[in-house]
N, C-alpha and C. Protein backbone atom coordinates (compact mmCIF):
# COMPACT_ATOMS: atom_id res chain seq x y z
N UNK A 1 64.36 137.34 -8.87
CA UNK A 1 64.45 137.65 -10.20
C UNK A 1 65.79 136.35 -10.62
N UNK A 2 65.64 135.62 -10.79
CA UNK A 2 67.16 134.81 -11.50
C UNK A 2 67.53 135.51 -12.68
N UNK A 3 69.21 135.37 -12.30
CA UNK A 3 70.07 136.11 -13.37
C UNK A 3 70.81 134.61 -13.88
N UNK A 4 71.17 134.51 -14.76
CA UNK A 4 72.23 133.35 -15.10
C UNK A 4 73.19 133.94 -16.04
N UNK A 5 74.45 133.71 -15.59
CA UNK A 5 75.71 134.28 -16.18
C UNK A 5 76.32 133.12 -16.59
N UNK A 6 77.04 133.29 -17.86
CA UNK A 6 77.97 132.85 -18.61
C UNK A 6 79.26 133.47 -19.24
N UNK A 7 80.22 133.19 -18.22
CA UNK A 7 81.15 133.91 -18.41
C UNK A 7 82.59 132.76 -18.38
N UNK A 8 83.81 133.08 -18.81
CA UNK A 8 84.34 132.19 -18.17
C UNK A 8 85.90 132.00 -18.88
N UNK A 9 87.38 131.82 -19.11
CA UNK A 9 88.18 131.90 -19.49
C UNK A 9 89.34 133.16 -18.71
N UNK A 10 89.47 134.22 -19.32
CA UNK A 10 90.41 135.45 -19.39
C UNK A 10 89.03 136.34 -18.49
N UNK A 11 90.08 137.32 -17.70
CA UNK A 11 89.28 138.50 -17.32
C UNK A 11 88.67 139.26 -18.52
N UNK A 12 89.33 139.03 -19.32
CA UNK A 12 88.36 140.27 -20.66
C UNK A 12 87.12 139.80 -20.93
N UNK A 13 86.55 138.93 -20.47
CA UNK A 13 85.23 138.07 -20.34
C UNK A 13 84.73 138.20 -19.28
N UNK A 14 85.69 137.89 -18.10
CA UNK A 14 85.03 137.57 -16.84
C UNK A 14 84.78 138.90 -16.25
N UNK A 15 85.21 139.79 -16.26
CA UNK A 15 85.18 141.02 -15.27
C UNK A 15 84.02 141.89 -16.11
N UNK A 16 83.80 142.03 -17.18
CA UNK A 16 82.72 142.87 -17.98
C UNK A 16 81.42 141.86 -17.43
N UNK A 17 81.29 140.47 -17.68
CA UNK A 17 80.14 139.48 -16.77
C UNK A 17 80.01 140.02 -15.36
N UNK A 18 80.91 140.25 -14.55
CA UNK A 18 80.98 140.29 -13.14
C UNK A 18 80.09 141.87 -13.14
N UNK A 19 81.06 143.12 -13.42
CA UNK A 19 80.05 144.67 -13.37
C UNK A 19 78.66 144.55 -14.13
N UNK A 20 77.87 143.63 -14.71
CA UNK A 20 76.78 143.21 -15.28
C UNK A 20 75.79 142.37 -13.73
N UNK A 21 76.44 141.48 -13.42
CA UNK A 21 76.27 140.77 -12.18
C UNK A 21 75.81 141.74 -11.13
N UNK A 22 76.93 142.73 -10.84
CA UNK A 22 76.97 143.69 -9.39
C UNK A 22 76.04 144.85 -10.13
N UNK A 23 75.31 144.95 -11.39
CA UNK A 23 73.96 146.24 -11.33
C UNK A 23 72.52 145.39 -10.81
N UNK A 24 72.87 143.88 -11.24
CA UNK A 24 71.59 143.47 -10.84
C UNK A 24 71.33 143.02 -9.76
N UNK A 25 72.36 142.69 -8.79
CA UNK A 25 72.30 142.51 -8.01
C UNK A 25 71.67 143.91 -7.33
N UNK A 26 71.86 144.90 -7.13
CA UNK A 26 71.09 146.11 -6.62
C UNK A 26 69.64 145.89 -7.00
N UNK A 27 69.04 145.23 -7.97
CA UNK A 27 67.92 144.66 -8.24
C UNK A 27 67.30 143.83 -7.08
N UNK A 28 68.38 143.15 -6.42
CA UNK A 28 67.70 141.87 -5.27
C UNK A 28 67.94 141.02 -6.20
N UNK A 29 68.92 140.35 -7.31
CA UNK A 29 68.56 139.25 -8.31
C UNK A 29 69.55 138.23 -7.81
N UNK A 30 68.95 137.31 -7.90
CA UNK A 30 70.01 135.51 -7.44
C UNK A 30 71.15 135.76 -8.78
N UNK A 31 71.85 135.83 -8.20
CA UNK A 31 72.86 135.51 -9.44
C UNK A 31 73.37 133.82 -9.28
N UNK A 32 73.06 133.23 -10.73
CA UNK A 32 73.58 132.01 -10.79
C UNK A 32 74.74 131.75 -11.79
N UNK A 33 75.90 131.69 -12.22
CA UNK A 33 77.12 131.42 -12.88
C UNK A 33 77.38 130.08 -13.32
N UNK A 34 77.83 129.54 -14.36
CA UNK A 34 78.13 128.89 -15.00
C UNK A 34 79.70 128.96 -15.42
N UNK A 35 80.73 127.93 -14.90
CA UNK A 35 82.41 127.79 -15.49
C UNK A 35 82.74 126.44 -15.40
N UNK A 36 84.32 127.13 -15.20
CA UNK A 36 85.42 125.98 -14.91
C UNK A 36 85.87 125.63 -13.68
N UNK A 37 85.92 124.80 -12.96
CA UNK A 37 86.51 124.47 -11.85
C UNK A 37 87.57 125.06 -11.78
N UNK A 38 88.39 125.30 -10.62
CA UNK A 38 89.34 126.40 -10.60
C UNK A 38 89.64 127.03 -11.17
N UNK A 39 89.08 128.18 -11.99
CA UNK A 39 88.87 128.86 -12.82
C UNK A 39 89.13 130.31 -12.22
N UNK A 40 89.80 131.56 -13.11
CA UNK A 40 89.29 133.02 -12.65
C UNK A 40 87.98 133.36 -12.20
N UNK A 41 86.80 132.87 -13.26
CA UNK A 41 85.26 133.19 -12.72
C UNK A 41 84.99 132.20 -11.22
N UNK A 42 85.79 130.50 -11.15
CA UNK A 42 84.92 130.12 -10.10
C UNK A 42 85.78 131.22 -8.84
N UNK A 43 86.84 131.30 -8.81
CA UNK A 43 87.42 131.99 -7.54
C UNK A 43 86.85 133.76 -7.22
N UNK A 44 86.42 134.42 -8.23
CA UNK A 44 85.55 134.91 -8.20
C UNK A 44 83.72 134.74 -7.92
N UNK A 45 83.27 134.22 -7.96
CA UNK A 45 81.69 133.27 -7.70
C UNK A 45 82.06 133.18 -5.84
N UNK A 46 83.25 132.65 -5.91
CA UNK A 46 83.26 132.06 -4.20
C UNK A 46 83.55 133.57 -3.48
N UNK A 47 84.30 134.35 -3.96
CA UNK A 47 84.21 136.14 -3.12
C UNK A 47 83.23 136.76 -2.84
N UNK A 48 82.29 136.63 -4.24
CA UNK A 48 81.20 137.13 -4.36
C UNK A 48 79.83 136.68 -3.67
N UNK A 49 80.48 135.12 -3.42
CA UNK A 49 78.69 134.31 -2.85
C UNK A 49 77.49 133.78 -3.93
N UNK A 50 78.24 133.84 -5.25
CA UNK A 50 77.42 133.63 -6.17
C UNK A 50 77.44 131.63 -6.29
N UNK A 51 75.97 131.73 -6.56
CA UNK A 51 75.94 130.55 -7.24
C UNK A 51 76.86 129.42 -8.08
N UNK A 52 77.57 129.09 -7.50
CA UNK A 52 78.48 128.39 -9.21
C UNK A 52 78.45 126.85 -9.25
N UNK A 53 78.40 126.93 -10.68
CA UNK A 53 78.12 125.68 -11.36
C UNK A 53 79.62 125.22 -12.40
N UNK A 54 79.68 123.84 -12.41
CA UNK A 54 80.69 123.67 -13.12
C UNK A 54 80.65 122.87 -14.79
N UNK A 55 81.26 123.08 -15.51
CA UNK A 55 81.47 122.28 -16.73
C UNK A 55 82.41 122.58 -17.01
N UNK A 56 82.74 121.48 -18.20
CA UNK A 56 84.06 121.49 -18.79
C UNK A 56 83.44 121.49 -20.21
N UNK A 57 84.69 122.51 -20.62
CA UNK A 57 84.56 122.95 -21.86
C UNK A 57 86.42 123.05 -22.21
N UNK A 58 86.43 123.11 -23.63
CA UNK A 58 87.71 123.11 -24.22
C UNK A 58 87.77 123.65 -25.49
N UNK A 59 89.03 124.89 -26.21
CA UNK A 59 88.84 125.51 -27.05
C UNK A 59 89.14 124.59 -28.28
N UNK A 60 88.46 125.19 -29.23
CA UNK A 60 88.30 124.21 -30.77
C UNK A 60 89.38 124.93 -31.82
N UNK A 61 89.02 126.45 -31.32
CA UNK A 61 90.35 126.75 -32.30
C UNK A 61 91.90 126.88 -32.47
N UNK A 62 92.32 126.67 -33.40
CA UNK A 62 93.61 126.69 -32.97
C UNK A 62 94.27 124.99 -32.21
N UNK A 63 93.85 124.02 -32.60
CA UNK A 63 94.04 122.88 -32.07
C UNK A 63 94.10 121.76 -32.53
N UNK A 64 94.77 120.69 -32.66
CA UNK A 64 94.75 119.59 -33.54
C UNK A 64 93.67 118.77 -33.52
N UNK A 65 93.90 117.83 -34.84
CA UNK A 65 92.58 116.72 -34.77
C UNK A 65 92.46 116.22 -33.40
N UNK A 66 93.30 115.44 -32.92
CA UNK A 66 92.99 114.64 -31.72
C UNK A 66 92.07 115.66 -30.70
N UNK A 67 92.39 116.80 -30.29
CA UNK A 67 92.48 117.91 -29.25
C UNK A 67 90.80 118.37 -29.95
N UNK A 68 90.50 118.68 -31.15
CA UNK A 68 89.40 119.15 -31.49
C UNK A 68 88.17 118.25 -31.13
N UNK A 69 88.94 116.48 -31.67
CA UNK A 69 87.58 115.58 -30.88
C UNK A 69 87.35 116.02 -29.39
N UNK A 70 88.67 116.10 -28.50
CA UNK A 70 87.93 116.41 -27.20
C UNK A 70 86.90 117.78 -26.86
N UNK A 71 87.21 118.64 -27.45
CA UNK A 71 86.26 119.66 -27.71
C UNK A 71 85.15 119.56 -27.78
N UNK A 72 84.90 118.50 -28.78
CA UNK A 72 83.41 118.22 -29.12
C UNK A 72 83.04 117.19 -27.89
N UNK A 73 83.79 116.36 -28.00
CA UNK A 73 83.20 115.74 -27.01
C UNK A 73 82.56 116.19 -25.42
N UNK A 74 83.66 117.58 -25.04
CA UNK A 74 83.62 118.76 -24.27
C UNK A 74 82.08 119.51 -24.48
N UNK A 75 81.99 119.80 -25.48
CA UNK A 75 80.96 120.54 -26.20
C UNK A 75 79.44 119.79 -25.57
N UNK A 76 79.18 118.27 -25.93
CA UNK A 76 78.35 118.06 -26.53
C UNK A 76 77.77 117.33 -24.61
N UNK A 77 78.79 117.32 -23.72
CA UNK A 77 78.85 117.12 -22.56
C UNK A 77 78.28 117.97 -21.82
N UNK A 78 78.98 119.32 -21.70
CA UNK A 78 78.50 120.81 -21.30
C UNK A 78 76.74 121.21 -22.17
N UNK A 79 76.67 120.41 -22.95
CA UNK A 79 75.25 121.16 -23.41
C UNK A 79 74.26 120.34 -22.37
N UNK A 80 74.41 118.76 -22.71
CA UNK A 80 73.55 118.06 -21.55
C UNK A 80 73.37 118.58 -19.92
N UNK A 81 74.66 119.12 -19.66
CA UNK A 81 74.79 119.56 -18.33
C UNK A 81 74.10 121.38 -17.93
N UNK A 82 74.06 122.03 -19.07
CA UNK A 82 73.77 122.99 -19.09
C UNK A 82 72.11 122.91 -19.35
N UNK A 83 71.67 122.06 -20.13
CA UNK A 83 70.16 121.82 -19.87
C UNK A 83 69.50 121.19 -18.89
N UNK A 84 69.74 120.73 -18.66
CA UNK A 84 69.56 120.43 -17.03
C UNK A 84 69.02 121.35 -16.12
N UNK A 85 70.71 121.78 -15.85
CA UNK A 85 70.96 123.41 -14.94
C UNK A 85 69.57 124.30 -15.14
N UNK A 86 69.90 124.40 -16.47
CA UNK A 86 68.93 126.12 -16.70
C UNK A 86 67.11 125.66 -16.32
N UNK A 87 67.08 124.10 -17.00
CA UNK A 87 65.44 124.00 -16.80
C UNK A 87 65.11 123.71 -15.81
N UNK A 88 66.10 123.47 -14.72
CA UNK A 88 66.03 123.41 -13.04
C UNK A 88 66.01 124.94 -12.55
N UNK A 89 66.69 125.68 -12.79
CA UNK A 89 66.86 127.09 -12.23
C UNK A 89 65.64 128.07 -13.17
N UNK A 90 65.21 127.55 -14.68
CA UNK A 90 64.38 128.67 -14.31
C UNK A 90 64.74 130.41 -14.12
N UNK A 91 65.62 130.50 -14.92
CA UNK A 91 66.23 131.67 -14.98
C UNK A 91 65.46 132.54 -15.91
N UNK A 92 65.10 134.56 -15.56
CA UNK A 92 64.31 135.01 -15.95
C UNK A 92 65.36 135.40 -17.37
N UNK A 93 66.53 135.19 -17.76
CA UNK A 93 67.38 135.68 -18.97
C UNK A 93 68.62 134.90 -18.65
N UNK A 94 69.78 134.69 -19.91
CA UNK A 94 71.01 134.27 -19.59
C UNK A 94 71.81 135.31 -20.16
N UNK A 95 72.60 135.92 -19.46
CA UNK A 95 73.58 136.54 -19.83
C UNK A 95 74.70 136.23 -20.11
N UNK A 96 75.62 136.13 -21.58
CA UNK A 96 76.82 135.55 -22.10
C UNK A 96 77.48 136.61 -22.46
N UNK A 97 79.08 136.22 -21.61
CA UNK A 97 80.16 137.22 -22.66
C UNK A 97 81.45 136.86 -23.31
N UNK A 98 80.81 135.52 -24.00
CA UNK A 98 81.65 134.61 -24.94
C UNK A 98 82.46 133.74 -24.64
N UNK A 99 83.51 133.47 -25.14
CA UNK A 99 84.40 132.42 -24.60
C UNK A 99 83.71 131.12 -25.13
N UNK A 100 84.53 130.11 -25.26
CA UNK A 100 84.29 128.63 -26.09
C UNK A 100 83.50 128.41 -25.19
N UNK A 101 83.62 128.61 -23.82
CA UNK A 101 82.74 127.44 -23.06
C UNK A 101 81.28 128.18 -23.46
N UNK A 102 81.32 128.79 -23.53
CA UNK A 102 79.25 129.93 -23.64
C UNK A 102 78.69 129.33 -24.57
N UNK A 103 78.80 128.80 -25.72
CA UNK A 103 78.56 127.85 -26.67
C UNK A 103 76.85 126.90 -26.48
N UNK A 104 77.79 125.94 -25.70
CA UNK A 104 76.89 125.26 -25.04
C UNK A 104 75.70 125.37 -24.31
N UNK A 105 75.69 126.55 -23.18
CA UNK A 105 74.86 127.02 -22.26
C UNK A 105 73.79 127.85 -23.03
N UNK A 106 74.38 129.26 -23.96
CA UNK A 106 73.99 129.66 -25.16
C UNK A 106 72.91 129.19 -25.83
N UNK A 107 73.42 128.06 -26.77
CA UNK A 107 72.26 127.10 -27.21
C UNK A 107 71.32 126.52 -26.53
N UNK A 108 71.54 126.12 -25.25
CA UNK A 108 70.45 125.39 -24.34
C UNK A 108 69.43 126.82 -24.21
N UNK A 109 69.80 127.62 -23.53
CA UNK A 109 69.05 128.66 -23.70
C UNK A 109 67.94 128.85 -24.84
N UNK A 110 68.70 129.08 -26.14
CA UNK A 110 67.48 128.91 -27.74
C UNK A 110 66.32 127.71 -27.26
N UNK A 111 67.29 126.28 -26.78
CA UNK A 111 66.22 125.35 -26.68
C UNK A 111 64.81 125.39 -26.00
N UNK A 112 65.54 126.33 -24.65
CA UNK A 112 64.61 126.22 -23.60
C UNK A 112 63.41 127.28 -23.80
N UNK A 113 63.82 128.22 -24.95
CA UNK A 113 63.05 129.83 -25.05
C UNK A 113 63.12 130.85 -23.97
N UNK A 114 64.61 130.78 -23.21
CA UNK A 114 65.28 131.27 -22.29
C UNK A 114 65.59 132.39 -23.04
N UNK A 115 65.15 134.10 -22.59
CA UNK A 115 66.02 135.16 -23.46
C UNK A 115 67.20 134.88 -23.79
N UNK A 116 68.01 134.81 -23.99
CA UNK A 116 69.93 135.41 -24.02
C UNK A 116 70.35 136.12 -24.58
N UNK A 117 71.20 137.07 -23.93
CA UNK A 117 71.76 138.01 -24.38
C UNK A 117 73.29 137.92 -24.13
N UNK A 118 74.11 138.30 -25.30
CA UNK A 118 75.04 137.97 -25.12
C UNK A 118 76.00 139.53 -25.73
N UNK A 119 77.44 139.80 -25.26
CA UNK A 119 78.13 140.66 -25.18
C UNK A 119 79.42 140.62 -25.74
N UNK A 120 79.58 141.29 -27.09
CA UNK A 120 81.42 141.17 -27.58
C UNK A 120 82.14 142.26 -26.58
N UNK A 121 83.04 141.92 -26.25
CA UNK A 121 84.28 142.74 -25.90
C UNK A 121 85.28 142.98 -26.92
N UNK A 122 85.79 142.19 -27.93
CA UNK A 122 86.40 142.45 -28.65
C UNK A 122 86.00 143.49 -30.14
N UNK A 123 86.75 143.78 -30.67
CA UNK A 123 86.09 144.27 -32.18
C UNK A 123 86.22 143.09 -33.27
N UNK A 124 86.58 141.63 -33.28
CA UNK A 124 86.32 141.27 -34.09
C UNK A 124 85.53 139.85 -33.03
N UNK A 125 84.57 139.57 -33.39
CA UNK A 125 83.70 138.52 -32.29
C UNK A 125 84.35 137.00 -32.22
N UNK A 126 84.17 136.05 -31.27
CA UNK A 126 84.64 135.13 -31.45
C UNK A 126 83.75 134.50 -31.85
N UNK A 127 84.28 132.92 -32.37
CA UNK A 127 83.56 131.79 -32.94
C UNK A 127 82.09 131.73 -31.86
N UNK A 128 82.46 131.76 -30.64
CA UNK A 128 81.11 131.44 -30.40
C UNK A 128 80.00 132.11 -30.54
N UNK A 129 80.11 133.77 -29.83
CA UNK A 129 79.51 134.72 -30.30
C UNK A 129 78.66 135.01 -31.26
N UNK A 130 79.59 134.70 -32.82
CA UNK A 130 79.48 134.98 -34.25
C UNK A 130 78.02 133.74 -34.02
N UNK A 131 78.13 132.73 -33.32
CA UNK A 131 76.99 131.57 -33.65
C UNK A 131 75.60 131.92 -32.86
N UNK A 132 75.75 132.48 -31.47
CA UNK A 132 75.14 132.72 -30.47
C UNK A 132 74.39 134.39 -31.42
N UNK A 133 75.00 134.84 -31.33
CA UNK A 133 74.12 136.13 -32.43
C UNK A 133 73.09 135.87 -33.02
N UNK A 134 73.06 134.67 -33.41
CA UNK A 134 71.94 134.44 -34.74
C UNK A 134 70.49 134.00 -33.68
N UNK A 135 70.42 133.68 -32.22
CA UNK A 135 69.87 133.34 -31.57
C UNK A 135 69.42 134.01 -30.18
N UNK A 136 70.69 135.76 -29.94
CA UNK A 136 70.44 136.45 -28.95
C UNK A 136 69.08 137.29 -29.27
N UNK A 137 68.71 137.72 -28.38
CA UNK A 137 67.12 138.35 -28.23
C UNK A 137 68.06 140.05 -28.42
N UNK A 138 69.23 140.05 -27.97
CA UNK A 138 69.61 141.46 -28.42
C UNK A 138 71.23 141.30 -28.05
N UNK A 139 72.57 141.49 -29.04
CA UNK A 139 73.53 141.72 -29.00
C UNK A 139 73.99 142.95 -28.91
N UNK A 140 74.88 143.26 -27.46
CA UNK A 140 75.38 143.95 -27.23
C UNK A 140 77.26 143.91 -27.93
N UNK A 141 77.73 145.58 -28.17
CA UNK A 141 79.30 144.96 -28.68
C UNK A 141 79.64 146.30 -27.91
N UNK A 142 81.39 145.95 -27.32
CA UNK A 142 81.79 147.10 -26.71
C UNK A 142 82.57 148.24 -27.80
N UNK A 143 82.86 147.15 -29.21
CA UNK A 143 83.14 148.28 -30.40
C UNK A 143 81.97 148.58 -31.16
N UNK A 144 82.06 149.35 -31.86
CA UNK A 144 80.83 149.53 -32.72
C UNK A 144 81.37 148.99 -34.25
N UNK A 145 80.35 148.38 -34.96
CA UNK A 145 80.79 147.45 -35.59
C UNK A 145 81.45 146.00 -35.89
N UNK A 146 81.30 145.37 -34.99
CA UNK A 146 81.60 144.06 -34.39
C UNK A 146 81.07 143.11 -35.40
N UNK A 147 79.66 143.69 -35.04
CA UNK A 147 78.78 142.74 -35.90
C UNK A 147 78.15 143.14 -36.75
N UNK A 148 77.83 143.07 -38.25
CA UNK A 148 77.08 143.73 -39.14
C UNK A 148 75.52 142.78 -39.19
N UNK A 149 74.95 142.85 -38.18
CA UNK A 149 73.43 142.21 -38.22
C UNK A 149 72.82 142.94 -37.34
N UNK A 150 71.33 142.85 -37.62
CA UNK A 150 70.44 143.86 -37.26
C UNK A 150 70.20 143.49 -35.77
N UNK A 151 69.75 144.11 -34.79
CA UNK A 151 69.33 144.00 -33.30
C UNK A 151 70.76 143.72 -32.41
N UNK A 152 71.59 144.88 -32.82
CA UNK A 152 72.89 145.17 -32.22
C UNK A 152 72.61 146.23 -31.88
N UNK A 153 73.02 146.27 -30.01
CA UNK A 153 73.34 147.68 -29.46
C UNK A 153 74.81 147.98 -28.84
N UNK A 154 75.66 149.17 -29.52
CA UNK A 154 76.54 149.64 -29.16
C UNK A 154 76.60 150.13 -27.45
N UNK A 155 77.41 149.48 -26.76
CA UNK A 155 77.58 150.02 -25.05
C UNK A 155 78.45 150.06 -24.45
N UNK A 156 79.75 149.78 -25.49
CA UNK A 156 80.55 149.79 -24.78
C UNK A 156 81.18 148.87 -23.76
N UNK A 157 82.15 148.69 -23.43
CA UNK A 157 82.82 147.24 -22.31
C UNK A 157 82.00 147.46 -20.79
N UNK A 158 81.29 147.05 -20.21
CA UNK A 158 81.09 147.18 -18.44
C UNK A 158 81.99 147.17 -17.51
N UNK A 159 82.14 148.07 -16.84
CA UNK A 159 83.40 148.42 -16.06
C UNK A 159 82.79 148.58 -14.17
N UNK A 160 83.20 147.55 -13.30
CA UNK A 160 82.95 147.72 -12.40
C UNK A 160 82.93 148.91 -11.71
N UNK A 161 82.49 148.80 -10.67
CA UNK A 161 81.55 150.52 -9.92
C UNK A 161 83.17 150.99 -8.97
N UNK A 162 83.97 149.76 -8.38
CA UNK A 162 85.09 150.48 -7.63
C UNK A 162 85.80 150.63 -8.64
N UNK A 163 86.02 150.24 -9.87
CA UNK A 163 87.15 150.65 -11.03
C UNK A 163 86.67 152.63 -11.12
N UNK A 164 85.47 152.56 -11.57
CA UNK A 164 85.07 153.79 -11.88
C UNK A 164 85.43 154.73 -10.90
N UNK A 165 85.32 154.24 -9.67
CA UNK A 165 85.49 155.43 -8.22
C UNK A 165 86.39 155.35 -7.94
N UNK A 166 87.54 154.88 -8.69
CA UNK A 166 89.22 154.77 -8.00
C UNK A 166 89.52 156.15 -8.39
N UNK A 167 90.34 156.63 -7.10
CA UNK A 167 90.37 158.07 -6.94
C UNK A 167 92.18 158.07 -7.07
N UNK A 168 92.62 157.14 -7.48
CA UNK A 168 94.05 157.12 -7.16
C UNK A 168 94.37 156.33 -6.31
N UNK A 169 96.17 156.32 -6.49
CA UNK A 169 96.32 155.56 -5.01
C UNK A 169 97.01 156.50 -3.86
N UNK A 170 96.83 155.57 -2.46
CA UNK A 170 96.67 155.91 -1.46
C UNK A 170 98.20 156.58 -0.89
N UNK A 171 99.01 155.70 -1.47
CA UNK A 171 100.40 156.20 -1.37
C UNK A 171 101.27 156.73 -2.55
N UNK A 172 102.14 157.45 -2.92
CA UNK A 172 102.99 157.20 -3.80
C UNK A 172 104.51 157.04 -3.67
N UNK A 173 105.11 156.33 -4.69
CA UNK A 173 106.97 156.47 -4.42
C UNK A 173 107.68 157.28 -5.72
N UNK A 174 108.09 158.14 -4.88
CA UNK A 174 109.10 158.87 -5.59
C UNK A 174 110.16 158.23 -6.03
N UNK A 175 110.89 158.78 -7.15
CA UNK A 175 111.67 158.13 -7.89
C UNK A 175 112.99 158.72 -7.67
N UNK A 176 113.25 158.89 -7.01
CA UNK A 176 114.29 159.71 -5.99
C UNK A 176 115.50 158.82 -6.89
N UNK A 177 115.74 157.49 -6.97
CA UNK A 177 117.30 156.65 -7.63
C UNK A 177 116.98 157.49 -9.26
N UNK A 178 115.96 157.93 -9.50
CA UNK A 178 116.18 158.32 -11.03
C UNK A 178 115.90 156.73 -11.85
N UNK A 179 115.46 155.60 -10.97
CA UNK A 179 115.61 154.44 -12.22
C UNK A 179 114.51 154.16 -13.37
N UNK A 180 115.15 154.03 -14.26
CA UNK A 180 113.46 153.95 -15.44
C UNK A 180 112.89 152.53 -15.12
N UNK A 181 111.47 153.13 -14.89
CA UNK A 181 110.48 152.82 -14.21
C UNK A 181 109.95 151.22 -15.89
N UNK A 182 109.41 149.93 -15.94
CA UNK A 182 108.88 149.55 -16.89
C UNK A 182 108.18 148.83 -16.44
N UNK A 183 106.75 148.67 -16.83
CA UNK A 183 105.85 148.02 -16.49
C UNK A 183 105.42 147.24 -17.69
N UNK A 184 105.23 145.50 -17.55
CA UNK A 184 104.99 144.78 -18.28
C UNK A 184 103.54 143.94 -18.12
N UNK A 185 102.92 144.35 -18.69
CA UNK A 185 101.38 143.61 -18.74
C UNK A 185 100.95 142.62 -20.15
N UNK A 186 100.53 141.31 -19.19
CA UNK A 186 100.24 140.00 -20.37
C UNK A 186 98.68 140.01 -20.16
N UNK A 187 98.09 141.17 -20.10
CA UNK A 187 96.53 140.51 -19.72
C UNK A 187 96.00 139.91 -18.37
N UNK A 188 94.89 139.36 -18.32
CA UNK A 188 94.74 139.23 -17.04
C UNK A 188 95.84 137.63 -16.31
N UNK A 189 95.68 136.91 -17.29
CA UNK A 189 96.26 135.20 -17.25
C UNK A 189 97.58 135.25 -17.12
N UNK A 190 98.25 136.60 -17.68
CA UNK A 190 99.56 137.03 -18.25
C UNK A 190 99.93 136.36 -19.91
N UNK A 191 101.21 136.35 -20.21
CA UNK A 191 101.12 135.74 -21.72
C UNK A 191 102.81 135.55 -21.57
N UNK A 192 102.41 133.61 -21.63
CA UNK A 192 103.49 132.61 -21.83
C UNK A 192 104.39 133.56 -22.74
N UNK A 193 103.91 133.82 -23.93
CA UNK A 193 104.63 134.16 -25.33
C UNK A 193 105.51 135.27 -25.25
N UNK A 194 104.80 136.11 -23.81
CA UNK A 194 105.38 137.93 -24.21
C UNK A 194 106.14 137.08 -22.62
N UNK A 195 106.14 136.56 -21.86
CA UNK A 195 106.98 135.64 -20.60
C UNK A 195 108.55 135.46 -21.45
N UNK A 196 108.58 134.99 -22.04
CA UNK A 196 109.45 134.22 -22.98
C UNK A 196 110.46 135.81 -23.70
N UNK A 197 109.32 136.33 -24.48
CA UNK A 197 110.51 138.07 -25.30
C UNK A 197 111.01 138.09 -24.07
N UNK A 198 110.24 138.78 -23.11
CA UNK A 198 110.62 139.63 -21.93
C UNK A 198 111.96 139.37 -21.68
N UNK A 199 112.17 137.73 -21.07
CA UNK A 199 113.26 137.44 -20.18
C UNK A 199 114.69 137.69 -21.35
N UNK A 200 114.41 137.00 -22.72
CA UNK A 200 115.71 136.97 -23.68
C UNK A 200 115.98 138.55 -23.90
N UNK A 201 114.76 139.67 -23.73
CA UNK A 201 115.24 141.00 -23.59
C UNK A 201 115.77 141.69 -23.01
N UNK A 202 115.82 141.10 -21.34
CA UNK A 202 116.18 141.28 -20.42
C UNK A 202 117.81 141.16 -20.74
N UNK A 203 117.99 139.97 -21.03
CA UNK A 203 119.55 139.45 -21.40
C UNK A 203 120.57 140.59 -22.11
N UNK A 204 119.93 141.14 -22.94
CA UNK A 204 120.03 142.05 -23.85
C UNK A 204 121.16 143.58 -23.11
N UNK A 205 120.28 143.46 -21.69
CA UNK A 205 120.57 144.65 -20.93
C UNK A 205 121.81 144.67 -20.40
N UNK A 206 122.77 145.24 -20.44
CA UNK A 206 124.15 145.11 -19.72
C UNK A 206 123.97 145.47 -18.48
N UNK A 207 123.60 146.86 -18.56
CA UNK A 207 123.55 147.11 -16.90
C UNK A 207 121.89 147.35 -16.34
N UNK A 208 121.80 146.43 -15.62
CA UNK A 208 120.24 146.27 -15.27
C UNK A 208 120.37 147.54 -13.86
N UNK A 209 121.07 147.57 -13.50
CA UNK A 209 120.76 148.44 -12.52
C UNK A 209 120.11 150.10 -11.93
N UNK A 210 119.92 150.54 -13.33
CA UNK A 210 119.06 151.02 -13.62
C UNK A 210 117.61 151.40 -14.01
N UNK A 211 117.27 149.83 -13.78
CA UNK A 211 115.97 149.40 -13.92
C UNK A 211 115.15 149.14 -13.50
N UNK A 212 113.43 149.69 -13.06
CA UNK A 212 113.10 149.15 -12.19
C UNK A 212 111.95 147.99 -13.08
N UNK A 213 111.62 147.03 -12.82
CA UNK A 213 110.98 146.22 -13.40
C UNK A 213 109.55 145.49 -12.49
N UNK A 214 108.50 146.44 -12.79
CA UNK A 214 107.36 144.94 -12.69
C UNK A 214 106.88 144.61 -13.94
N UNK A 215 106.52 143.05 -14.21
CA UNK A 215 106.49 142.20 -14.67
C UNK A 215 104.99 141.34 -14.04
N UNK A 216 103.99 141.43 -14.46
CA UNK A 216 102.38 140.92 -14.55
C UNK A 216 102.66 139.56 -15.52
N UNK A 217 102.93 138.07 -14.62
CA UNK A 217 103.70 136.96 -15.13
C UNK A 217 102.40 135.92 -15.64
N UNK A 218 101.22 136.07 -14.86
CA UNK A 218 100.02 135.04 -14.66
C UNK A 218 101.03 134.12 -13.53
N UNK A 219 99.84 133.50 -13.19
CA UNK A 219 100.10 132.33 -12.32
C UNK A 219 101.22 130.65 -12.86
N UNK A 220 101.34 130.56 -14.18
CA UNK A 220 101.82 129.66 -14.74
C UNK A 220 103.05 129.94 -14.69
N UNK A 221 103.74 131.27 -14.73
CA UNK A 221 105.15 131.86 -14.80
C UNK A 221 105.56 132.41 -13.63
N UNK A 222 104.96 132.22 -12.70
CA UNK A 222 105.64 132.86 -11.61
C UNK A 222 106.64 133.28 -10.95
N UNK A 223 107.11 131.60 -11.07
CA UNK A 223 107.76 131.43 -10.44
C UNK A 223 109.12 130.86 -10.89
N UNK A 224 109.14 131.75 -12.14
CA UNK A 224 110.29 131.51 -13.27
C UNK A 224 111.26 132.60 -13.22
């Protein structure tokens, strides 16, 4: 059985799709994945040994006119690539977890009459999933009520088995020095805006010796 995964961008899209791929691996399915070069999904597929195919896509929402024109060009290019790719692979179905890069492969599935299943991880669906929900055989949602259409199944967000089985740290560090521990999380890719706010906020703390700060910054700001 050939399973075609469409997921990219942030960990919120990629890791639920990876959890689904892992389950189909148990059924001895061949996993095919389309995403962007040098991305999170690309790194994961290298590690997992999945067949990875590169497409180019850019976000449309929140861009200026010139960037939107570029995004439309990439969408057309990605649609042609996806059509050829899916036609050659002939997967049993396509699973998409949203993000702007999922639109072209999803529309290709509809054109080629290949079953499409989409999953929405957020309470408010993105533009791509809103469009693809019209063509999807089943729409899965992580939060009940995200879609007000028929054929929707509430399943929650898929979680990887190694996360479910996590039994806690093998070692713990005792807070002997009585410092204040602060953990800052900006999502799987970090948040540049949050990083800026944190830097400014830390300048307001006069005595930093009483703080122990662990900040997840993301790759772009790791050297700041």
